[in-house]
Amino acid sequence: MKKYFLLSVIAISVVACSKKTNPTSGSGTTSQYAVMDEKATKGMNLETKYCTSCHKFRVPYNFTKSKWDKVLPTMYKKAKMTDSTQQQLVKYFIYNNLQKPASSK
């Protein structure tokens, strides 16, 4: 009985401590946004690379443009994003996805 209990605890620990995948990023994410041309895809990839190193993926339409205009400059500094092209690509992704996509049902 102790053997099964120990094996169960180990199995639960392994599963609980395994690396979690982020369901809001990755290959399936692009289809839920309004604009996903090359610039938007690059912007989303940069957002995922820089922003999600500190916090979870932020869905663009959860904030207004004015809120993003206040937040983005601060985040660029924290993420040490100095390249204006990267900043413009992230803005492009966010600004073109400010409206919630239509339901796919």
Protein backbone atom coordinates (compact mmCIF):
# COMPACT_ATOMS: atom_id res chain seq x y z
CA MET A 1 0.00 0.00 0.00
CA LYS A 2 2.83 2.40 0.88
CA LYS A 3 4.47 1.59 -2.44
CA TYR A 4 1.37 2.66 -4.43
CA PHE A 5 0.97 5.79 -2.35
CA LEU A 6 4.61 6.76 -2.95
CA LEU A 7 4.29 6.09 -6.69
CA SER A 8 1.11 8.20 -6.81
CA VAL A 9 2.82 11.10 -5.03
CA ILE A 10 5.79 10.94 -7.41
CA ALA A 11 3.51 10.81 -10.47
CA ILE A 12 1.47 13.77 -9.27
CA SER A 13 4.65 15.72 -8.50
CA VAL A 14 6.07 15.07 -11.96
CA VAL A 15 2.88 16.19 -13.67
CA ALA A 16 2.46 19.24 -11.43
CA CYS A 17 6.07 20.34 -11.90
CA SER A 18 6.24 19.77 -15.65
CA LYS A 19 6.60 22.78 -17.92
CA LYS A 20 3.23 24.28 -18.75
CA THR A 21 2.42 25.40 -22.25
CA ASN A 22 0.86 28.77 -22.78
CA PRO A 23 -2.40 28.20 -24.68
CA THR A 24 -2.60 31.84 -25.74
CA SER A 25 0.63 31.83 -27.69
CA GLY A 26 2.04 29.70 -30.42
CA SER A 27 0.85 28.45 -33.78
CA GLY A 28 -2.89 28.42 -32.98
CA THR A 29 -2.98 31.99 -31.73
CA THR A 30 -2.72 33.81 -35.04
CA SER A 31 -6.14 32.77 -36.32
CA GLN A 32 -7.99 34.61 -33.55
CA TYR A 33 -6.75 38.09 -34.47
CA ALA A 34 -8.17 40.47 -37.03
CA VAL A 35 -4.92 41.31 -38.82
CA MET A 36 -2.22 38.72 -39.20
CA ASP A 37 -0.10 39.77 -42.14
CA GLU A 38 3.69 39.56 -41.96
CA LYS A 39 4.07 42.71 -39.82
CA ALA A 40 1.41 41.58 -37.37
CA THR A 41 2.92 38.12 -37.09
CA LYS A 42 6.34 39.63 -36.38
CA GLY A 43 4.77 41.99 -33.86
CA MET A 44 3.02 39.14 -32.09
CA ASN A 45 6.25 37.13 -32.00
CA LEU A 46 8.09 40.11 -30.48
CA GLU A 47 5.30 40.62 -27.97
CA THR A 48 5.55 36.96 -27.02
CA LYS A 49 9.35 37.06 -26.80
CA TYR A 50 9.76 40.27 -24.81
CA CYS A 51 6.54 40.75 -22.87
CA THR A 52 5.77 37.25 -21.73
CA SER A 53 9.17 36.93 -20.11
CA CYS A 54 7.70 39.01 -17.25
CA HIS A 55 3.94 38.46 -17.45
CA LYS A 56 1.31 36.48 -19.31
CA PHE A 57 0.29 37.25 -22.86
CA ARG A 58 -1.94 40.33 -22.99
CA VAL A 59 -4.79 40.14 -25.45
CA PRO A 60 -4.72 43.43 -27.40
CA TYR A 61 -8.46 44.06 -27.29
CA ASN A 62 -8.54 43.96 -23.49
CA PHE A 63 -7.16 47.53 -23.45
CA THR A 64 -7.98 50.69 -25.35
CA LYS A 65 -5.53 52.46 -27.66
CA SER A 66 -5.06 55.23 -25.09
CA LYS A 67 -4.23 52.64 -22.41
CA TRP A 68 -1.70 50.96 -24.73
CA ASP A 69 -0.18 54.37 -25.51
CA LYS A 70 0.49 54.82 -21.79
CA VAL A 71 1.70 51.28 -21.12
CA LEU A 72 3.88 50.53 -24.15
CA PRO A 73 6.65 53.14 -23.60
CA THR A 74 7.15 51.92 -20.04
CA MET A 75 7.22 48.31 -21.17
CA TYR A 76 9.71 49.05 -23.96
CA LYS A 77 12.12 50.40 -21.35
CA LYS A 78 11.60 47.43 -19.03
CA ALA A 79 12.08 44.98 -21.90
CA LYS A 80 15.09 47.01 -23.14
CA MET A 81 13.52 47.34 -26.58
CA THR A 82 15.47 50.16 -28.19
CA ASP A 83 14.97 49.30 -31.85
CA SER A 84 12.18 51.52 -33.20
CA THR A 85 11.29 48.89 -35.80
CA GLN A 86 10.47 46.39 -33.06
CA GLN A 87 8.37 48.98 -31.27
CA GLN A 88 6.46 49.77 -34.44
CA LEU A 89 5.84 46.08 -35.14
CA VAL A 90 4.44 45.49 -31.65
CA LYS A 91 2.24 48.59 -31.99
CA TYR A 92 1.07 47.38 -35.39
CA PHE A 93 0.03 44.03 -33.92
CA ILE A 94 -1.73 45.61 -30.96
CA TYR A 95 -3.41 48.52 -32.76
CA ASN A 96 -4.80 46.28 -35.49
CA ASN A 97 -6.29 43.90 -32.94
CA LEU A 98 -8.05 46.29 -30.59
CA GLN A 99 -11.46 44.87 -31.40
CA LYS A 100 -12.47 41.46 -30.14
CA PRO A 101 -12.61 38.99 -33.03
CA ALA A 102 -16.00 37.64 -34.03
CA SER A 103 -16.88 34.32 -32.46
CA SER A 104 -15.94 31.35 -34.59
CA LYS A 105 -19.05 29.38 -33.55
